C-alpha atoms as a PDB file:
ATOM      1  CA  MET A   1      42.764   9.201 -32.377  1.00  0.00           C
ATOM      2  CA  ASP A   2      40.362  12.137 -32.446  1.00  0.00           C
ATOM      3  CA  ILE A   3      41.186  15.063 -34.691  1.00  0.00           C
ATOM      4  CA  GLN A   4      39.742  18.484 -34.179  1.00  0.00           C
ATOM      5  CA  MET A   5      40.122  21.707 -36.089  1.00  0.00           C
ATOM      6  CA  ILE A   6      40.628  25.104 -34.557  1.00  0.00           C
ATOM      7  CA  CYS A   7      39.769  28.077 -36.736  1.00  0.00           C
ATOM      8  CA  HIS A   8      40.583  31.745 -36.360  1.00  0.00           C
ATOM      9  CA  PHE A   9      38.570  34.251 -38.346  1.00  0.00           C
ATOM     10  CA  GLU A  10      39.338  37.936 -38.677  1.00  0.00           C
ATOM     11  CA  VAL A  11      35.887  39.429 -39.233  1.00  0.00           C
ATOM     12  CA  THR A  12      34.324  42.815 -39.822  1.00  0.00           C
ATOM     13  CA  ASP A  13      31.722  42.217 -37.104  1.00  0.00           C
ATOM     14  CA  PHE A  14      31.417  39.220 -34.770  1.00  0.00           C
ATOM     15  CA  ASP A  15      27.613  39.192 -34.464  1.00  0.00           C
ATOM     16  CA  THR A  16      27.070  39.314 -38.240  1.00  0.00           C
ATOM     17  CA  TRP A  17      29.734  36.635 -38.731  1.00  0.00           C
ATOM     18  CA  GLN A  18      28.183  34.364 -36.081  1.00  0.00           C
ATOM     19  CA  THR A  19      24.741  34.598 -37.690  1.00  0.00           C
ATOM     20  CA  ALA A  20      26.246  33.603 -41.048  1.00  0.00           C
ATOM     21  CA  PHE A  21      28.388  30.864 -39.449  1.00  0.00           C
ATOM     22  CA  ASN A  22      25.337  29.396 -37.721  1.00  0.00           C
ATOM     23  CA  GLY A  23      23.461  29.486 -41.030  1.00  0.00           C
ATOM     24  CA  ASP A  24      26.165  27.289 -42.609  1.00  0.00           C
ATOM     25  CA  ASP A  25      25.512  24.448 -40.144  1.00  0.00           C
ATOM     26  CA  GLU A  26      24.174  22.025 -42.764  1.00  0.00           C
ATOM     27  CA  ALA A  27      27.284  22.425 -44.947  1.00  0.00           C
ATOM     28  CA  ARG A  28      29.518  21.784 -41.915  1.00  0.00           C
ATOM     29  CA  ARG A  29      27.544  18.660 -40.976  1.00  0.00           C
ATOM     30  CA  ASP A  30      27.807  17.454 -44.590  1.00  0.00           C
ATOM     31  CA  ALA A  31      31.571  17.965 -44.293  1.00  0.00           C
ATOM     32  CA  GLY A  32      31.688  15.784 -41.179  1.00  0.00           C
ATOM     33  CA  LEU A  33      32.274  18.742 -38.864  1.00  0.00           C
ATOM     34  CA  GLY A  34      30.610  19.419 -35.546  1.00  0.00           C
ATOM     35  CA  VAL A  35      30.893  22.664 -33.602  1.00  0.00           C
ATOM     36  CA  LEU A  36      32.335  22.101 -30.142  1.00  0.00           C
ATOM     37  CA  GLN A  37      32.940  25.694 -29.066  1.00  0.00           C
ATOM     38  CA  ILE A  38      32.791  29.259 -30.397  1.00  0.00           C
ATOM     39  CA  TRP A  39      34.784  32.090 -28.840  1.00  0.00           C
ATOM     40  CA  ARG A  40      35.014  35.808 -29.445  1.00  0.00           C
ATOM     41  CA  ASP A  41      37.959  38.016 -28.605  1.00  0.00           C
ATOM     42  CA  ALA A  42      37.292  39.595 -25.193  1.00  0.00           C
ATOM     43  CA  ASP A  43      38.710  42.919 -26.369  1.00  0.00           C
ATOM     44  CA  SER A  44      37.606  43.134 -30.001  1.00  0.00           C
ATOM     45  CA  SER A  45      34.587  42.322 -32.156  1.00  0.00           C
ATOM     46  CA  THR A  46      36.837  41.477 -35.099  1.00  0.00           C
ATOM     47  CA  HIS A  47      38.206  38.086 -34.037  1.00  0.00           C
ATOM     48  CA  ALA A  48      36.250  34.833 -33.872  1.00  0.00           C
ATOM     49  CA  PHE A  49      37.468  31.348 -33.002  1.00  0.00           C
ATOM     50  CA  ALA A  50      35.803  27.967 -33.492  1.00  0.00           C
ATOM     51  CA  LEU A  51      36.716  24.493 -32.307  1.00  0.00           C
ATOM     52  CA  LEU A  52      35.260  21.781 -34.533  1.00  0.00           C
ATOM     53  CA  ALA A  53      35.170  17.993 -34.248  1.00  0.00           C
ATOM     54  CA  VAL A  54      36.464  16.405 -37.468  1.00  0.00           C
ATOM     55  CA  ASN A  55      34.877  13.131 -38.583  1.00  0.00           C
ATOM     56  CA  ASP A  56      36.395  13.099 -42.083  1.00  0.00           C
ATOM     57  CA  ARG A  57      39.534  15.136 -42.729  1.00  0.00           C
ATOM     58  CA  ALA A  58      39.242  15.102 -46.533  1.00  0.00           C
ATOM     59  CA  ARG A  59      35.690  16.458 -46.372  1.00  0.00           C
ATOM     60  CA  ALA A  60      36.795  19.029 -43.768  1.00  0.00           C
ATOM     61  CA  GLU A  61      39.558  20.221 -46.101  1.00  0.00           C
ATOM     62  CA  ALA A  62      36.994  20.518 -48.920  1.00  0.00           C
ATOM     63  CA  TRP A  63      34.791  22.616 -46.599  1.00  0.00           C
ATOM     64  CA  ILE A  64      37.745  24.940 -45.927  1.00  0.00           C
ATOM     65  CA  THR A  65      38.366  25.354 -49.653  1.00  0.00           C
ATOM     66  CA  ARG A  66      34.654  25.990 -50.280  1.00  0.00           C
ATOM     67  CA  SER A  67      34.408  28.460 -47.392  1.00  0.00           C
ATOM     68  CA  ASN A  68      37.465  30.370 -48.571  1.00  0.00           C
ATOM     69  CA  ALA A  69      36.003  30.617 -52.082  1.00  0.00           C
ATOM     70  CA  LEU A  70      32.448  31.674 -51.182  1.00  0.00           C
ATOM     71  CA  SER A  71      32.164  34.964 -49.339  1.00  0.00           C
ATOM     72  CA  SER A  72      28.391  34.436 -49.228  1.00  0.00           C
ATOM     73  CA  ASP A  73      28.978  31.704 -46.606  1.00  0.00           C
ATOM     74  CA  ASP A  74      30.139  34.310 -44.121  1.00  0.00           C
ATOM     75  CA  ALA A  75      28.009  37.284 -45.265  1.00  0.00           C
ATOM     76  CA  SER A  76      31.268  38.812 -46.585  1.00  0.00           C
ATOM     77  CA  THR A  77      32.454  39.337 -42.995  1.00  0.00           C
ATOM     78  CA  VAL A  78      35.682  37.283 -43.033  1.00  0.00           C
ATOM     79  CA  THR A  79      38.765  39.232 -44.034  1.00  0.00           C
ATOM     80  CA  HIS A  80      41.252  36.469 -43.173  1.00  0.00           C
ATOM     81  CA  ALA A  81      40.968  32.921 -41.856  1.00  0.00           C
ATOM     82  CA  SER A  82      43.351  30.241 -40.654  1.00  0.00           C
ATOM     83  CA  HIS A  83      42.620  26.630 -39.781  1.00  0.00           C
ATOM     84  CA  PHE A  84      44.679  24.039 -37.919  1.00  0.00           C
ATOM     85  CA  PHE A  85      43.999  20.333 -37.490  1.00  0.00           C
ATOM     86  CA  ILE A  86      44.871  19.429 -33.905  1.00  0.00           C
ATOM     87  CA  GLN A  87      44.822  16.442 -31.588  1.00  0.00           C
ATOM     88  CA  THR A  88      45.281  15.965 -27.886  1.00  0.00           C
ATOM     89  CA  ALA A  89      48.920  15.422 -26.962  1.00  0.00           C
END
């Protein structure tokens, strides 16, 4: 059973956030996460969404904790984030 994670980020600026998010690729890979899709809100530059493949849930949860604790990971652009582990029904 494949597990994925969908993330919603409220950000100060999408382009700045995306640059920082892309720069954190090695940490995501180390956490067993792979980016499947990135979306931006069609009507606002302050909402970002990411769909990630999860290879190791425990490491993914550690990445979430680390990301929430380190504003440098997102260039201080994230004002709120939520994450959900999902699977195909």
